[in-house]
């Protein structure tokens, strides 16, 4: 399954794995809504994502915007694979990865 949700006591983690595309959009949207509904801090891991299409990027961006409006902490966690960074930048969501180390590749360079 390319999208999973893990809920802890204070944090909800959404992990995207492998290719995440339009076929996964409904599942991703549902999990993002669950995470937002929990009111907990949200983290998204893209570490093992090999492809992310613009639909998934748009859903993540909208979730981040909604989290901010609801005063919920939202961050992309871990190193982000260069292919994902490229997709996000090409889609015009330059500021989506602008939270700390998230915009770095696996070697830790911006």
PDB file of N, CA and C in Angstrom:
ATOM      1  N   UNK A   1       0.854  -1.180   0.000  1.00  0.00           N
ATOM      2  CA  UNK A   1       0.000   0.000   0.000  1.00  0.00           C
ATOM      3  C   UNK A   1       0.898   1.241   0.000  1.00  0.00           C
ATOM      4  N   UNK A   2       0.709   2.164  -0.946  1.00  0.00           N
ATOM      5  CA  UNK A   2       1.623   3.301  -1.038  1.00  0.00           C
ATOM      6  C   UNK A   2       1.382   4.405  -0.006  1.00  0.00           C
ATOM      7  N   UNK A   3       0.239   4.389   0.684  1.00  0.00           N
ATOM      8  CA  UNK A   3      -0.058   5.447   1.646  1.00  0.00           C
ATOM      9  C   UNK A   3      -0.516   4.803   2.955  1.00  0.00           C
ATOM     10  N   UNK A   4       0.147   5.154   4.053  1.00  0.00           N
ATOM     11  CA  UNK A   4      -0.250   4.620   5.356  1.00  0.00           C
ATOM     12  C   UNK A   4      -0.319   5.736   6.380  1.00  0.00           C
ATOM     13  N   UNK A   5      -1.128   5.514   7.399  1.00  0.00           N
ATOM     14  CA  UNK A   5      -1.279   6.465   8.488  1.00  0.00           C
ATOM     15  C   UNK A   5      -0.927   5.754   9.793  1.00  0.00           C
ATOM     16  N   UNK A   6      -0.094   6.389  10.589  1.00  0.00           N
ATOM     17  CA  UNK A   6       0.270   5.875  11.905  1.00  0.00           C
ATOM     18  C   UNK A   6      -0.063   6.956  12.918  1.00  0.00           C
ATOM     19  N   UNK A   7      -0.890   6.602  13.887  1.00  0.00           N
ATOM     20  CA  UNK A   7      -1.303   7.587  14.884  1.00  0.00           C
ATOM     21  C   UNK A   7      -0.677   7.255  16.232  1.00  0.00           C
ATOM     22  N   UNK A   8       0.040   8.223  16.798  1.00  0.00           N
ATOM     23  CA  UNK A   8       0.613   8.092  18.122  1.00  0.00           C
ATOM     24  C   UNK A   8      -0.186   8.924  19.111  1.00  0.00           C
ATOM     25  N   UNK A   9       0.350   9.124  20.285  1.00  0.00           N
ATOM     26  CA  UNK A   9      -0.349   9.899  21.308  1.00  0.00           C
ATOM     27  C   UNK A   9      -0.440  11.380  20.959  1.00  0.00           C
ATOM     28  N   UNK A  10       0.605  11.917  20.326  1.00  0.00           N
ATOM     29  CA  UNK A  10       0.638  13.346  20.023  1.00  0.00           C
ATOM     30  C   UNK A  10       0.872  13.646  18.548  1.00  0.00           C
ATOM     31  N   UNK A  11       1.129  12.622  17.758  1.00  0.00           N
ATOM     32  CA  UNK A  11       1.570  12.831  16.384  1.00  0.00           C
ATOM     33  C   UNK A  11       0.900  11.842  15.444  1.00  0.00           C
ATOM     34  N   UNK A  12       0.515  12.340  14.282  1.00  0.00           N
ATOM     35  CA  UNK A  12       0.018  11.477  13.221  1.00  0.00           C
ATOM     36  C   UNK A  12       1.022  11.526  12.078  1.00  0.00           C
ATOM     37  N   UNK A  13       1.486  10.349  11.661  1.00  0.00           N
ATOM     38  CA  UNK A  13       2.472  10.239  10.579  1.00  0.00           C
ATOM     39  C   UNK A  13       1.807   9.624   9.357  1.00  0.00           C
ATOM     40  N   UNK A  14       1.963  10.272   8.224  1.00  0.00           N
ATOM     41  CA  UNK A  14       1.505   9.717   6.956  1.00  0.00           C
ATOM     42  C   UNK A  14       2.754   9.392   6.155  1.00  0.00           C
ATOM     43  N   UNK A  15       2.849   8.139   5.724  1.00  0.00           N
ATOM     44  CA  UNK A  15       4.009   7.684   4.952  1.00  0.00           C
ATOM     45  C   UNK A  15       3.568   7.374   3.526  1.00  0.00           C
ATOM     46  N   UNK A  16       4.308   7.918   2.580  1.00  0.00           N
ATOM     47  CA  UNK A  16       4.077   7.635   1.175  1.00  0.00           C
ATOM     48  C   UNK A  16       5.232   6.765   0.699  1.00  0.00           C
ATOM     49  N   UNK A  17       4.899   5.673   0.037  1.00  0.00           N
ATOM     50  CA  UNK A  17       5.904   4.689  -0.344  1.00  0.00           C
ATOM     51  C   UNK A  17       5.755   4.332  -1.816  1.00  0.00           C
ATOM     52  N   UNK A  18       6.876   4.288  -2.524  1.00  0.00           N
ATOM     53  CA  UNK A  18       6.846   3.898  -3.931  1.00  0.00           C
ATOM     54  C   UNK A  18       6.218   4.971  -4.800  1.00  0.00           C
ATOM     55  N   UNK A  19       5.478   4.524  -5.791  1.00  0.00           N
ATOM     56  CA  UNK A  19       4.807   5.439  -6.713  1.00  0.00           C
ATOM     57  C   UNK A  19       3.449   5.836  -6.145  1.00  0.00           C
ATOM     58  N   UNK A  20       3.244   7.133  -5.967  1.00  0.00           N
ATOM     59  CA  UNK A  20       1.978   7.643  -5.458  1.00  0.00           C
ATOM     60  C   UNK A  20       1.403   8.540  -6.548  1.00  0.00           C
ATOM     61  N   UNK A  21       0.279   8.109  -7.101  1.00  0.00           N
ATOM     62  CA  UNK A  21      -0.304   8.829  -8.224  1.00  0.00           C
ATOM     63  C   UNK A  21      -1.799   9.029  -8.088  1.00  0.00           C
ATOM     64  N   UNK A  22      -2.418   9.331  -9.201  1.00  0.00           N
ATOM     65  CA  UNK A  22      -3.845   9.622  -9.243  1.00  0.00           C
ATOM     66  C   UNK A  22      -4.680   8.469  -8.695  1.00  0.00           C
ATOM     67  N   UNK A  23      -4.246   7.242  -8.906  1.00  0.00           N
ATOM     68  CA  UNK A  23      -4.990   6.080  -8.413  1.00  0.00           C
ATOM     69  C   UNK A  23      -5.011   6.024  -6.887  1.00  0.00           C
ATOM     70  N   UNK A  24      -4.075   6.709  -6.246  1.00  0.00           N
ATOM     71  CA  UNK A  24      -3.988   6.717  -4.787  1.00  0.00           C
ATOM     72  C   UNK A  24      -4.582   7.981  -4.171  1.00  0.00           C
ATOM     73  N   UNK A  25      -5.098   8.877  -5.006  1.00  0.00           N
ATOM     74  CA  UNK A  25      -5.548  10.185  -4.527  1.00  0.00           C
ATOM     75  C   UNK A  25      -6.680  10.088  -3.506  1.00  0.00           C
ATOM     76  N   UNK A  26      -7.669   9.248  -3.745  1.00  0.00           N
ATOM     77  CA  UNK A  26      -8.794   9.147  -2.810  1.00  0.00           C
ATOM     78  C   UNK A  26      -8.323   8.630  -1.456  1.00  0.00           C
ATOM     79  N   UNK A  27      -7.447   7.634  -1.472  1.00  0.00           N
ATOM     80  CA  UNK A  27      -6.919   7.082  -0.221  1.00  0.00           C
ATOM     81  C   UNK A  27      -6.092   8.129   0.520  1.00  0.00           C
ATOM     82  N   UNK A  28      -5.228   8.834  -0.216  1.00  0.00           N
ATOM     83  CA  UNK A  28      -4.400   9.866   0.397  1.00  0.00           C
ATOM     84  C   UNK A  28      -5.272  10.963   0.989  1.00  0.00           C
ATOM     85  N   UNK A  29      -6.262  11.400   0.250  1.00  0.00           N
ATOM     86  CA  UNK A  29      -7.158  12.448   0.741  1.00  0.00           C
ATOM     87  C   UNK A  29      -7.857  12.000   2.025  1.00  0.00           C
ATOM     88  N   UNK A  30      -8.349  10.772   2.046  1.00  0.00           N
ATOM     89  CA  UNK A  30      -9.025  10.258   3.230  1.00  0.00           C
ATOM     90  C   UNK A  30      -8.115  10.228   4.451  1.00  0.00           C
ATOM     91  N   UNK A  31      -6.877   9.789   4.263  1.00  0.00           N
ATOM     92  CA  UNK A  31      -5.939   9.730   5.381  1.00  0.00           C
ATOM     93  C   UNK A  31      -5.535  11.123   5.851  1.00  0.00           C
ATOM     94  N   UNK A  32      -5.377  12.040   4.915  1.00  0.00           N
ATOM     95  CA  UNK A  32      -5.065  13.417   5.298  1.00  0.00           C
ATOM     96  C   UNK A  32      -6.214  14.028   6.097  1.00  0.00           C
ATOM     97  N   UNK A  33      -7.453  13.763   5.686  1.00  0.00           N
ATOM     98  CA  UNK A  33      -8.608  14.266   6.433  1.00  0.00           C
ATOM     99  C   UNK A  33      -8.687  13.653   7.825  1.00  0.00           C
ATOM    100  N   UNK A  34      -8.381  12.363   7.935  1.00  0.00           N
ATOM    101  CA  UNK A  34      -8.337  11.719   9.253  1.00  0.00           C
ATOM    102  C   UNK A  34      -7.293  12.383  10.142  1.00  0.00           C
ATOM    103  N   UNK A  35      -6.133  12.604   9.575  1.00  0.00           N
ATOM    104  CA  UNK A  35      -5.045  13.216  10.339  1.00  0.00           C
ATOM    105  C   UNK A  35      -5.426  14.623  10.787  1.00  0.00           C
ATOM    106  N   UNK A  36      -5.998  15.403   9.892  1.00  0.00           N
ATOM    107  CA  UNK A  36      -6.430  16.753  10.253  1.00  0.00           C
ATOM    108  C   UNK A  36      -7.510  16.706  11.324  1.00  0.00           C
ATOM    109  N   UNK A  37      -8.424  15.758  11.194  1.00  0.00           N
ATOM    110  CA  UNK A  37      -9.515  15.622  12.156  1.00  0.00           C
ATOM    111  C   UNK A  37      -9.045  15.241  13.545  1.00  0.00           C
ATOM    112  N   UNK A  38      -7.880  14.615  13.644  1.00  0.00           N
ATOM    113  CA  UNK A  38      -7.358  14.207  14.951  1.00  0.00           C
ATOM    114  C   UNK A  38      -6.888  15.408  15.770  1.00  0.00           C
ATOM    115  N   UNK A  39      -6.545  16.490  15.072  1.00  0.00           N
ATOM    116  CA  UNK A  39      -6.032  17.672  15.764  1.00  0.00           C
ATOM    117  C   UNK A  39      -4.599  17.521  16.237  1.00  0.00           C
ATOM    118  N   UNK A  40      -3.976  16.388  15.955  1.00  0.00           N
ATOM    119  CA  UNK A  40      -2.596  16.144  16.369  1.00  0.00           C
ATOM    120  C   UNK A  40      -1.619  16.766  15.375  1.00  0.00           C
ATOM    121  N   UNK A  41      -0.367  16.867  15.820  1.00  0.00           N
ATOM    122  CA  UNK A  41       0.689  17.272  14.911  1.00  0.00           C
ATOM    123  C   UNK A  41       0.704  16.305  13.730  1.00  0.00           C
ATOM    124  N   UNK A  42       0.978  16.827  12.556  1.00  0.00           N
ATOM    125  CA  UNK A  42       1.039  15.983  11.363  1.00  0.00           C
ATOM    126  C   UNK A  42       2.446  15.983  10.796  1.00  0.00           C
ATOM    127  N   UNK A  43       2.891  14.790  10.402  1.00  0.00           N
ATOM    128  CA  UNK A  43       4.155  14.647   9.700  1.00  0.00           C
ATOM    129  C   UNK A  43       3.909  13.785   8.476  1.00  0.00           C
ATOM    130  N   UNK A  44       4.597  14.113   7.400  1.00  0.00           N
ATOM    131  CA  UNK A  44       4.517  13.338   6.170  1.00  0.00           C
ATOM    132  C   UNK A  44       5.924  12.879   5.824  1.00  0.00           C
ATOM    133  N   UNK A  45       6.073  11.579   5.642  1.00  0.00           N
ATOM    134  CA  UNK A  45       7.367  11.027   5.246  1.00  0.00           C
ATOM    135  C   UNK A  45       7.313  10.664   3.768  1.00  0.00           C
ATOM    136  N   UNK A  46       8.264  11.204   3.026  1.00  0.00           N
ATOM    137  CA  UNK A  46       8.394  10.917   1.598  1.00  0.00           C
ATOM    138  C   UNK A  46       9.678  10.129   1.323  1.00  0.00           C
ATOM    139  N   UNK A  47      10.323   9.675   2.376  1.00  0.00           N
ATOM    140  CA  UNK A  47      11.638   9.035   2.297  1.00  0.00           C
ATOM    141  C   UNK A  47      11.693   7.901   1.278  1.00  0.00           C
ATOM    142  N   UNK A  48      10.666   7.061   1.224  1.00  0.00           N
ATOM    143  CA  UNK A  48      10.676   5.911   0.320  1.00  0.00           C
ATOM    144  C   UNK A  48       9.782   6.125  -0.905  1.00  0.00           C
ATOM    145  N   UNK A  49       9.447   7.371  -1.182  1.00  0.00           N
ATOM    146  CA  UNK A  49       8.629   7.690  -2.354  1.00  0.00           C
ATOM    147  C   UNK A  49       9.523   7.716  -3.591  1.00  0.00           C
ATOM    148  N   UNK A  50       9.132   6.960  -4.608  1.00  0.00           N
ATOM    149  CA  UNK A  50       9.920   6.925  -5.842  1.00  0.00           C
ATOM    150  C   UNK A  50       9.298   7.772  -6.945  1.00  0.00           C
ATOM    151  N   UNK A  51       8.027   8.087  -6.794  1.00  0.00           N
ATOM    152  CA  UNK A  51       7.346   8.958  -7.757  1.00  0.00           C
ATOM    153  C   UNK A  51       6.131   9.564  -7.074  1.00  0.00           C
ATOM    154  N   UNK A  52       5.937  10.846  -7.290  1.00  0.00           N
ATOM    155  CA  UNK A  52       4.822  11.570  -6.690  1.00  0.00           C
ATOM    156  C   UNK A  52       4.218  12.436  -7.778  1.00  0.00           C
ATOM    157  N   UNK A  53       2.955  12.176  -8.122  1.00  0.00           N
ATOM    158  CA  UNK A  53       2.389  12.989  -9.195  1.00  0.00           C
ATOM    159  C   UNK A  53       1.789  14.281  -8.640  1.00  0.00           C
ATOM    160  N   UNK A  54       1.431  15.173  -9.534  1.00  0.00           N
ATOM    161  CA  UNK A  54       0.976  16.505  -9.143  1.00  0.00           C
ATOM    162  C   UNK A  54      -0.315  16.441  -8.321  1.00  0.00           C
ATOM    163  N   UNK A  55      -1.150  15.445  -8.529  1.00  0.00           N
ATOM    164  CA  UNK A  55      -2.368  15.305  -7.730  1.00  0.00           C
ATOM    165  C   UNK A  55      -2.015  15.100  -6.261  1.00  0.00           C
ATOM    166  N   UNK A  56      -1.055  14.246  -5.982  1.00  0.00           N
ATOM    167  CA  UNK A  56      -0.625  13.997  -4.606  1.00  0.00           C
ATOM    168  C   UNK A  56       0.013  15.248  -4.014  1.00  0.00           C
ATOM    169  N   UNK A  57       0.802  15.953  -4.806  1.00  0.00           N
ATOM    170  CA  UNK A  57       1.422  17.195  -4.334  1.00  0.00           C
ATOM    171  C   UNK A  57       0.339  18.198  -3.962  1.00  0.00           C
ATOM    172  N   UNK A  58      -0.672  18.335  -4.792  1.00  0.00           N
ATOM    173  CA  UNK A  58      -1.772  19.266  -4.511  1.00  0.00           C
ATOM    174  C   UNK A  58      -2.510  18.892  -3.227  1.00  0.00           C
ATOM    175  N   UNK A  59      -2.746  17.604  -3.018  1.00  0.00           N
ATOM    176  CA  UNK A  59      -3.421  17.165  -1.796  1.00  0.00           C
ATOM    177  C   UNK A  59      -2.571  17.470  -0.556  1.00  0.00           C
ATOM    178  N   UNK A  60      -1.281  17.215  -0.638  1.00  0.00           N
ATOM    179  CA  UNK A  60      -0.401  17.507   0.487  1.00  0.00           C
ATOM    180  C   UNK A  60      -0.338  19.008   0.762  1.00  0.00           C
ATOM    181  N   UNK A  61      -0.266  19.792  -0.289  1.00  0.00           N
ATOM    182  CA  UNK A  61      -0.229  21.247  -0.138  1.00  0.00           C
ATOM    183  C   UNK A  61      -1.518  21.752   0.505  1.00  0.00           C
ATOM    184  N   UNK A  62      -2.665  21.237   0.063  1.00  0.00           N
ATOM    185  CA  UNK A  62      -3.951  21.645   0.639  1.00  0.00           C
ATOM    186  C   UNK A  62      -4.046  21.239   2.109  1.00  0.00           C
ATOM    187  N   UNK A  63      -3.528  20.051   2.442  1.00  0.00           N
ATOM    188  CA  UNK A  63      -3.548  19.604   3.838  1.00  0.00           C
ATOM    189  C   UNK A  63      -2.679  20.510   4.703  1.00  0.00           C
ATOM    190  N   UNK A  64      -1.524  20.883   4.177  1.00  0.00           N
ATOM    191  CA  UNK A  64      -0.650  21.795   4.933  1.00  0.00           C
ATOM    192  C   UNK A  64      -1.342  23.136   5.161  1.00  0.00           C
ATOM    193  N   UNK A  65      -2.005  23.634   4.143  1.00  0.00           N
ATOM    194  CA  UNK A  65      -2.726  24.907   4.256  1.00  0.00           C
ATOM    195  C   UNK A  65      -3.845  24.807   5.293  1.00  0.00           C
ATOM    196  N   UNK A  66      -4.602  23.700   5.261  1.00  0.00           N
ATOM    197  CA  UNK A  66      -5.688  23.492   6.217  1.00  0.00           C
ATOM    198  C   UNK A  66      -5.140  23.330   7.633  1.00  0.00           C
ATOM    199  N   UNK A  67      -4.032  22.621   7.780  1.00  0.00           N
ATOM    200  CA  UNK A  67      -3.416  22.452   9.094  1.00  0.00           C
ATOM    201  C   UNK A  67      -3.021  23.808   9.666  1.00  0.00           C
ATOM    202  N   UNK A  68      -2.418  24.636   8.841  1.00  0.00           N
ATOM    203  CA  UNK A  68      -2.011  25.962   9.295  1.00  0.00           C
ATOM    204  C   UNK A  68      -3.224  26.773   9.740  1.00  0.00           C
ATOM    205  N   UNK A  69      -4.295  26.731   8.958  1.00  0.00           N
ATOM    206  CA  UNK A  69      -5.510  27.468   9.310  1.00  0.00           C
ATOM    207  C   UNK A  69      -6.132  26.955  10.605  1.00  0.00           C
ATOM    208  N   UNK A  70      -5.878  25.684  10.925  1.00  0.00           N
ATOM    209  CA  UNK A  70      -6.424  25.069  12.137  1.00  0.00           C
ATOM    210  C   UNK A  70      -5.419  25.034  13.282  1.00  0.00           C
ATOM    211  N   UNK A  71      -4.301  25.715  13.120  1.00  0.00           N
ATOM    212  CA  UNK A  71      -3.226  25.745  14.123  1.00  0.00           C
ATOM    213  C   UNK A  71      -2.702  24.352  14.461  1.00  0.00           C
ATOM    214  N   UNK A  72      -2.591  23.505  13.443  1.00  0.00           N
ATOM    215  CA  UNK A  72      -2.042  22.162  13.595  1.00  0.00           C
ATOM    216  C   UNK A  72      -0.654  22.165  12.964  1.00  0.00           C
ATOM    217  N   UNK A  73       0.315  21.649  13.683  1.00  0.00           N
ATOM    218  CA  UNK A  73       1.670  21.554  13.159  1.00  0.00           C
ATOM    219  C   UNK A  73       1.710  20.548  12.010  1.00  0.00           C
ATOM    220  N   UNK A  74       2.315  20.933  10.892  1.00  0.00           N
ATOM    221  CA  UNK A  74       2.425  20.076   9.709  1.00  0.00           C
ATOM    222  C   UNK A  74       3.831  20.215   9.161  1.00  0.00           C
ATOM    223  N   UNK A  75       4.503  19.088   8.931  1.00  0.00           N
ATOM    224  CA  UNK A  75       5.843  19.150   8.370  1.00  0.00           C
ATOM    225  C   UNK A  75       6.126  17.918   7.528  1.00  0.00           C
ATOM    226  N   UNK A  76       6.940  18.121   6.510  1.00  0.00           N
ATOM    227  CA  UNK A  76       7.469  17.014   5.726  1.00  0.00           C
ATOM    228  C   UNK A  76       8.730  16.577   6.460  1.00  0.00           C
ATOM    229  N   UNK A  77       8.847  15.280   6.726  1.00  0.00           N
ATOM    230  CA  UNK A  77       9.919  14.771   7.566  1.00  0.00           C
ATOM    231  C   UNK A  77      10.940  13.959   6.777  1.00  0.00           C
ATOM    232  N   UNK A  78      12.158  14.005   7.265  1.00  0.00           N
ATOM    233  CA  UNK A  78      13.228  13.190   6.703  1.00  0.00           C
ATOM    234  C   UNK A  78      13.835  13.796   5.469  1.00  0.00           C
ATOM    235  N   UNK A  79      14.804  13.102   4.907  1.00  0.00           N
ATOM    236  CA  UNK A  79      15.277  13.579   3.609  1.00  0.00           C
ATOM    237  C   UNK A  79      14.221  13.260   2.550  1.00  0.00           C
ATOM    238  N   UNK A  80      14.095  14.141   1.603  1.00  0.00           N
ATOM    239  CA  UNK A  80      13.149  13.959   0.510  1.00  0.00           C
ATOM    240  C   UNK A  80      13.941  13.551  -0.722  1.00  0.00           C
ATOM    241  N   UNK A  81      13.543  12.452  -1.372  1.00  0.00           N
ATOM    242  CA  UNK A  81      14.269  12.013  -2.566  1.00  0.00           C
ATOM    243  C   UNK A  81      14.319  13.109  -3.640  1.00  0.00           C
ATOM    244  N   UNK A  82      15.436  13.235  -4.334  1.00  0.00           N
ATOM    245  CA  UNK A  82      15.575  14.261  -5.375  1.00  0.00           C
ATOM    246  C   UNK A  82      14.461  14.222  -6.417  1.00  0.00           C
ATOM    247  N   UNK A  83      13.973  13.040  -6.787  1.00  0.00           N
ATOM    248  CA  UNK A  83      12.906  12.951  -7.782  1.00  0.00           C
ATOM    249  C   UNK A  83      11.630  13.616  -7.281  1.00  0.00           C
ATOM    250  N   UNK A  84      11.380  13.508  -5.985  1.00  0.00           N
ATOM    251  CA  UNK A  84      10.192  14.135  -5.398  1.00  0.00           C
ATOM    252  C   UNK A  84      10.382  15.649  -5.334  1.00  0.00           C
ATOM    253  N   UNK A  85      11.572  16.076  -4.951  1.00  0.00           N
ATOM    254  CA  UNK A  85      11.863  17.515  -4.932  1.00  0.00           C
ATOM    255  C   UNK A  85      11.641  18.096  -6.322  1.00  0.00           C
ATOM    256  N   UNK A  86      12.137  17.415  -7.336  1.00  0.00           N
ATOM    257  CA  UNK A  86      11.977  17.872  -8.713  1.00  0.00           C
ATOM    258  C   UNK A  86      10.502  18.000  -9.094  1.00  0.00           C
ATOM    259  N   UNK A  87       9.699  17.008  -8.742  1.00  0.00           N
ATOM    260  CA  UNK A  87       8.271  17.039  -9.062  1.00  0.00           C
ATOM    261  C   UNK A  87       7.588  18.213  -8.385  1.00  0.00           C
ATOM    262  N   UNK A  88       7.898  18.411  -7.112  1.00  0.00           N
ATOM    263  CA  UNK A  88       7.286  19.506  -6.359  1.00  0.00           C
ATOM    264  C   UNK A  88       7.659  20.851  -6.975  1.00  0.00           C
ATOM    265  N   UNK A  89       8.914  21.017  -7.322  1.00  0.00           N
ATOM    266  CA  UNK A  89       9.355  22.277  -7.923  1.00  0.00           C
ATOM    267  C   UNK A  89       8.742  22.489  -9.305  1.00  0.00           C
ATOM    268  N   UNK A  90       8.688  21.444 -10.110  1.00  0.00           N
ATOM    269  CA  UNK A  90       8.092  21.554 -11.446  1.00  0.00           C
ATOM    270  C   UNK A  90       6.601  21.868 -11.377  1.00  0.00           C
ATOM    271  N   UNK A  91       5.945  21.416 -10.304  1.00  0.00           N
ATOM    272  CA  UNK A  91       4.516  21.680 -10.138  1.00  0.00           C
ATOM    273  C   UNK A  91       4.258  23.093  -9.607  1.00  0.00           C
ATOM    274  N   UNK A  92       5.324  23.806  -9.244  1.00  0.00           N
ATOM    275  CA  UNK A  92       5.178  25.188  -8.794  1.00  0.00           C
ATOM    276  C   UNK A  92       4.911  25.335  -7.308  1.00  0.00           C
ATOM    277  N   UNK A  93       5.166  24.286  -6.531  1.00  0.00           N
ATOM    278  CA  UNK A  93       4.936  24.334  -5.095  1.00  0.00           C
ATOM    279  C   UNK A  93       6.262  24.498  -4.361  1.00  0.00           C
ATOM    280  N   UNK A  94       7.052  25.482  -4.793  1.00  0.00           N
ATOM    281  CA  UNK A  94       8.403  25.689  -4.271  1.00  0.00           C
ATOM    282  C   UNK A  94       8.449  25.765  -2.755  1.00  0.00           C
ATOM    283  N   UNK A  95       7.482  26.435  -2.145  1.00  0.00           N
ATOM    284  CA  UNK A  95       7.537  26.631  -0.696  1.00  0.00           C
ATOM    285  C   UNK A  95       7.022  25.430   0.092  1.00  0.00           C
ATOM    286  N   UNK A  96       6.508  24.402  -0.560  1.00  0.00           N
ATOM    287  CA  UNK A  96       5.973  23.252   0.159  1.00  0.00           C
ATOM    288  C   UNK A  96       7.056  22.545   0.978  1.00  0.00           C
ATOM    289  N   UNK A  97       8.241  22.463   0.457  1.00  0.00           N
ATOM    290  CA  UNK A  97       9.328  21.768   1.137  1.00  0.00           C
ATOM    291  C   UNK A  97      10.212  22.721   1.934  1.00  0.00           C
ATOM    292  N   UNK A  98       9.728  23.908   2.212  1.00  0.00           N
ATOM    293  CA  UNK A  98      10.540  24.938   2.842  1.00  0.00           C
ATOM    294  C   UNK A  98      10.621  24.836   4.358  1.00  0.00           C
ATOM    295  N   UNK A  99      10.349  23.664   4.938  1.00  0.00           N
ATOM    296  CA  UNK A  99      10.435  23.553   6.399  1.00  0.00           C
ATOM    297  C   UNK A  99      11.681  22.766   6.797  1.00  0.00           C
ATOM    298  N   UNK A 100      12.742  23.498   7.025  1.00  0.00           N
ATOM    299  CA  UNK A 100      13.974  22.899   7.535  1.00  0.00           C
ATOM    300  C   UNK A 100      14.640  21.970   6.549  1.00  0.00           C
ATOM    301  N   UNK A 101      14.983  20.783   7.013  1.00  0.00           N
ATOM    302  CA  UNK A 101      15.779  19.835   6.228  1.00  0.00           C
ATOM    303  C   UNK A 101      14.977  19.144   5.150  1.00  0.00           C
ATOM    304  N   UNK A 102      13.679  19.382   5.069  1.00  0.00           N
ATOM    305  CA  UNK A 102      12.847  18.670   4.116  1.00  0.00           C
ATOM    306  C   UNK A 102      13.257  18.944   2.678  1.00  0.00           C
ATOM    307  N   UNK A 103      13.809  20.085   2.411  1.00  0.00           N
ATOM    308  CA  UNK A 103      14.175  20.411   1.033  1.00  0.00           C
ATOM    309  C   UNK A 103      15.571  19.926   0.670  1.00  0.00           C
ATOM    310  N   UNK A 104      16.139  19.080   1.504  1.00  0.00           N
ATOM    311  CA  UNK A 104      17.462  18.564   1.232  1.00  0.00           C
ATOM    312  C   UNK A 104      17.378  17.161   0.651  1.00  0.00           C
ATOM    313  N   UNK A 105      18.386  16.806  -0.100  1.00  0.00           N
ATOM    314  CA  UNK A 105      18.420  15.446  -0.626  1.00  0.00           C
ATOM    315  C   UNK A 105      19.003  14.504   0.422  1.00  0.00           C
ATOM    316  N   UNK A 106      19.163  13.258   0.052  1.00  0.00           N
ATOM    317  CA  UNK A 106      19.609  12.257   1.009  1.00  0.00           C
ATOM    318  C   UNK A 106      21.036  12.478   1.505  1.00  0.00           C
ATOM    319  N   UNK A 107      21.801  13.326   0.860  1.00  0.00           N
ATOM    320  CA  UNK A 107      23.158  13.617   1.306  1.00  0.00           C
ATOM    321  C   UNK A 107      23.190  14.817   2.242  1.00  0.00           C
ATOM    322  N   UNK A 108      22.016  15.442   2.443  1.00  0.00           N
ATOM    323  CA  UNK A 108      21.940  16.548   3.388  1.00  0.00           C
ATOM    324  C   UNK A 108      22.308  17.897   2.808  1.00  0.00           C
ATOM    325  N   UNK A 109      22.316  18.028   1.471  1.00  0.00           N
ATOM    326  CA  UNK A 109      22.625  19.306   0.877  1.00  0.00           C
ATOM    327  C   UNK A 109      21.377  19.888   0.257  1.00  0.00           C
ATOM    328  N   UNK A 110      21.218  21.221   0.314  1.00  0.00           N
ATOM    329  CA  UNK A 110      20.020  21.845  -0.254  1.00  0.00           C
ATOM    330  C   UNK A 110      19.923  21.687  -1.753  1.00  0.00           C
TER     331      UNK A 110
END
